Amino acid sequence: TQQDETGAYLIDRDPTYFGPILNYLRHGKLIINKELAEEGVLEEAEFYNIASLVRLVKERIRDNENRTSQGPVKHVYRVLQCQEEELTQMVSTMSDGWKFEQLIGIGSSYNYGNEDQAEFLCVVSRELNNSTNGIVKEPSEKAKILQERGSRM
């Protein structure tokens, strides 16, 4: 490397891949734009000998390879029946990867006092990936409660 008159070093490397390196050094997070090749960032991290960043980039590359080798993502769907007053609470308490998909109004066949209470079917989905490295994950307490509520409806 060359040094200028002020003592600064000239490093002749691709500035495109230096951005994620610099941001990692600034705040300790690996952020790579989607249009940027992770292998290029890995090459720069190895050049600058930043071992922790090398590990992170390699993990990300490995995760991406595993995701693409698994084939298409499968989903599991659930249909939950709820009344109008329960709708907001149910949607706001969804967790563990469950995602709201669709709401279908089905009317009401019940009378609550003098007013009809609207009923809905709420369709939710989640990626079907219940295991990591062969270890099956147990649902959280929040998920168990939601599953229990859904089975009672």
Protein backbone atom coordinates (compact mmCIF):
# COMPACT_ATOMS: atom_id res chain seq x y z
CA THR A 1 0.00 0.00 0.00
CA GLN A 2 1.06 3.54 -0.67
CA GLN A 3 1.09 6.43 1.77
CA ASP A 4 0.42 10.06 0.85
CA GLU A 5 2.10 13.17 2.28
CA THR A 6 -0.34 13.30 5.24
CA GLY A 7 0.32 9.70 6.24
CA ALA A 8 -2.99 8.34 4.89
CA TYR A 9 -2.86 4.95 3.20
CA LEU A 10 -4.21 4.36 -0.29
CA ILE A 11 -6.12 1.09 -0.45
CA ASP A 12 -7.09 0.23 -3.99
CA ARG A 13 -10.22 -1.89 -3.42
CA ASP A 14 -13.76 -1.85 -4.81
CA PRO A 15 -15.75 0.81 -2.91
CA THR A 16 -19.05 -0.98 -3.68
CA TYR A 17 -18.24 -3.75 -1.23
CA PHE A 18 -16.63 -1.45 1.33
CA GLY A 19 -19.98 0.10 2.33
CA PRO A 20 -21.21 -2.95 4.31
CA ILE A 21 -17.73 -3.26 5.89
CA LEU A 22 -17.77 0.36 7.02
CA ASN A 23 -21.32 0.11 8.35
CA TYR A 24 -20.43 -3.04 10.27
CA LEU A 25 -17.48 -1.26 11.87
CA ARG A 26 -19.71 1.72 12.72
CA HIS A 27 -22.59 -0.08 14.42
CA GLY A 28 -21.84 -3.79 14.57
CA LYS A 29 -24.66 -4.93 12.27
CA LEU A 30 -24.31 -6.66 8.93
CA ILE A 31 -26.49 -4.91 6.34
CA ILE A 32 -26.08 -5.93 2.71
CA ASN A 33 -28.26 -4.52 -0.07
CA LYS A 34 -30.10 -7.19 -2.05
CA GLU A 35 -28.37 -6.27 -5.30
CA LEU A 36 -24.92 -6.69 -3.72
CA ALA A 37 -23.22 -10.10 -3.87
CA GLU A 38 -22.51 -11.47 -0.39
CA GLU A 39 -19.43 -13.23 -1.74
CA GLY A 40 -17.93 -9.81 -2.61
CA VAL A 41 -18.52 -8.57 0.93
CA LEU A 42 -16.93 -11.79 2.23
CA GLU A 43 -13.86 -11.18 0.07
CA GLU A 44 -13.47 -7.66 1.48
CA ALA A 45 -14.00 -8.83 5.08
CA GLU A 46 -11.26 -11.41 4.56
CA PHE A 47 -8.98 -8.77 2.98
CA TYR A 48 -9.38 -6.48 6.01
CA ASN A 49 -9.09 -9.52 8.34
CA ILE A 50 -12.29 -8.82 10.30
CA ALA A 51 -12.90 -12.30 11.69
CA SER A 52 -16.30 -11.59 13.29
CA LEU A 53 -17.62 -10.15 10.03
CA VAL A 54 -16.21 -13.07 8.03
CA ARG A 55 -18.19 -15.45 10.27
CA LEU A 56 -21.41 -13.42 9.88
CA VAL A 57 -21.17 -13.24 6.09
CA LYS A 58 -20.38 -16.97 5.84
CA GLU A 59 -23.41 -17.76 8.05
CA ARG A 60 -25.63 -15.60 5.86
CA ILE A 61 -24.36 -17.28 2.68
CA ARG A 62 -24.92 -20.73 4.23
CA ASP A 63 -28.45 -19.77 5.37
CA ASN A 64 -29.32 -18.52 1.89
CA GLU A 65 -28.00 -21.71 0.32
CA ASN A 66 -30.04 -23.82 2.76
CA ARG A 67 -33.18 -21.82 2.00
CA THR A 68 -32.81 -22.25 -1.75
CA SER A 69 -31.99 -25.96 -1.47
CA GLN A 70 -35.13 -26.65 0.57
CA GLY A 71 -37.35 -25.95 -2.42
CA PRO A 72 -40.57 -23.97 -2.35
CA VAL A 73 -41.79 -22.63 0.99
CA LYS A 74 -44.85 -24.43 2.30
CA HIS A 75 -47.51 -22.80 4.45
CA VAL A 76 -50.01 -24.04 6.98
CA TYR A 77 -53.34 -22.23 7.15
CA ARG A 78 -55.84 -21.88 9.97
CA VAL A 79 -59.37 -20.60 9.90
CA LEU A 80 -60.52 -19.04 13.17
CA GLN A 81 -64.12 -18.08 13.89
CA CYS A 82 -64.59 -14.96 15.98
CA GLN A 83 -67.14 -12.33 16.84
CA GLU A 84 -66.77 -8.69 16.00
CA GLU A 85 -65.72 -7.68 19.51
CA GLU A 86 -62.95 -10.32 19.58
CA LEU A 87 -61.53 -9.53 16.16
CA THR A 88 -59.12 -6.73 17.06
CA GLN A 89 -57.69 -8.56 20.04
CA MET A 90 -57.23 -11.79 18.09
CA VAL A 91 -55.40 -10.15 15.19
CA SER A 92 -53.21 -8.02 17.47
CA THR A 93 -52.10 -11.01 19.58
CA MET A 94 -50.99 -13.21 16.67
CA SER A 95 -47.38 -14.30 17.13
CA ASP A 96 -44.86 -17.04 16.39
CA GLY A 97 -44.81 -16.35 12.67
CA TRP A 98 -48.59 -16.36 12.15
CA LYS A 99 -49.67 -13.84 9.54
CA PHE A 100 -53.14 -12.47 8.81
CA GLU A 101 -54.35 -13.51 5.35
CA GLN A 102 -58.08 -12.88 4.94
CA LEU A 103 -61.23 -11.89 6.84
CA ILE A 104 -64.60 -13.29 5.77
CA GLY A 105 -67.86 -12.00 7.22
CA ILE A 106 -70.32 -14.82 7.84
CA GLY A 107 -73.15 -12.95 9.52
CA SER A 108 -74.64 -14.17 12.76
CA SER A 109 -77.01 -16.86 13.83
CA TYR A 110 -76.92 -15.84 17.47
CA ASN A 111 -78.67 -13.07 19.34
CA TYR A 112 -76.74 -11.27 22.08
CA GLY A 113 -79.22 -9.12 23.92
CA ASN A 114 -81.17 -7.07 21.41
CA GLU A 115 -78.34 -6.76 18.90
CA ASP A 116 -76.89 -9.23 16.45
CA GLN A 117 -73.16 -9.69 16.83
CA ALA A 118 -71.32 -9.99 13.50
CA GLU A 119 -69.22 -13.11 13.06
CA PHE A 120 -66.12 -13.59 10.97
CA LEU A 121 -63.79 -16.26 9.73
CA CYS A 122 -60.20 -15.12 10.04
CA VAL A 123 -57.68 -16.94 7.83
CA VAL A 124 -54.09 -16.93 9.11
CA SER A 125 -50.97 -18.63 7.77
CA ARG A 126 -47.46 -19.52 8.79
CA GLU A 127 -44.45 -21.01 7.02
CA LEU A 128 -44.28 -24.74 7.54
CA ASN A 129 -40.82 -25.03 9.02
CA ASN A 130 -41.15 -26.50 12.48
CA SER A 131 -37.65 -27.83 12.82
CA THR A 132 -34.12 -26.53 12.76
CA ASN A 133 -31.32 -29.06 12.36
CA GLY A 134 -33.72 -31.88 13.21
CA ILE A 135 -34.84 -30.32 16.50
CA VAL A 136 -38.59 -29.76 16.67
CA LYS A 137 -39.56 -26.44 18.24
CA GLU A 138 -42.36 -26.36 20.78
CA PRO A 139 -44.90 -23.57 20.32
CA SER A 140 -44.70 -20.70 22.79
CA GLU A 141 -47.29 -20.16 25.52
CA LYS A 142 -48.92 -17.41 23.44
CA ALA A 143 -49.22 -19.77 20.46
CA LYS A 144 -50.71 -22.51 22.65
CA ILE A 145 -53.36 -20.10 23.94
CA LEU A 146 -54.25 -19.02 20.39
CA GLN A 147 -54.43 -22.65 19.26
CA GLU A 148 -56.70 -23.43 22.21
CA ARG A 149 -58.97 -20.49 21.39
CA GLY A 150 -59.11 -21.54 17.74
CA SER A 151 -60.06 -25.11 18.60
CA ARG A 152 -62.93 -23.94 20.82
CA MET A 153 -64.52 -21.87 18.05
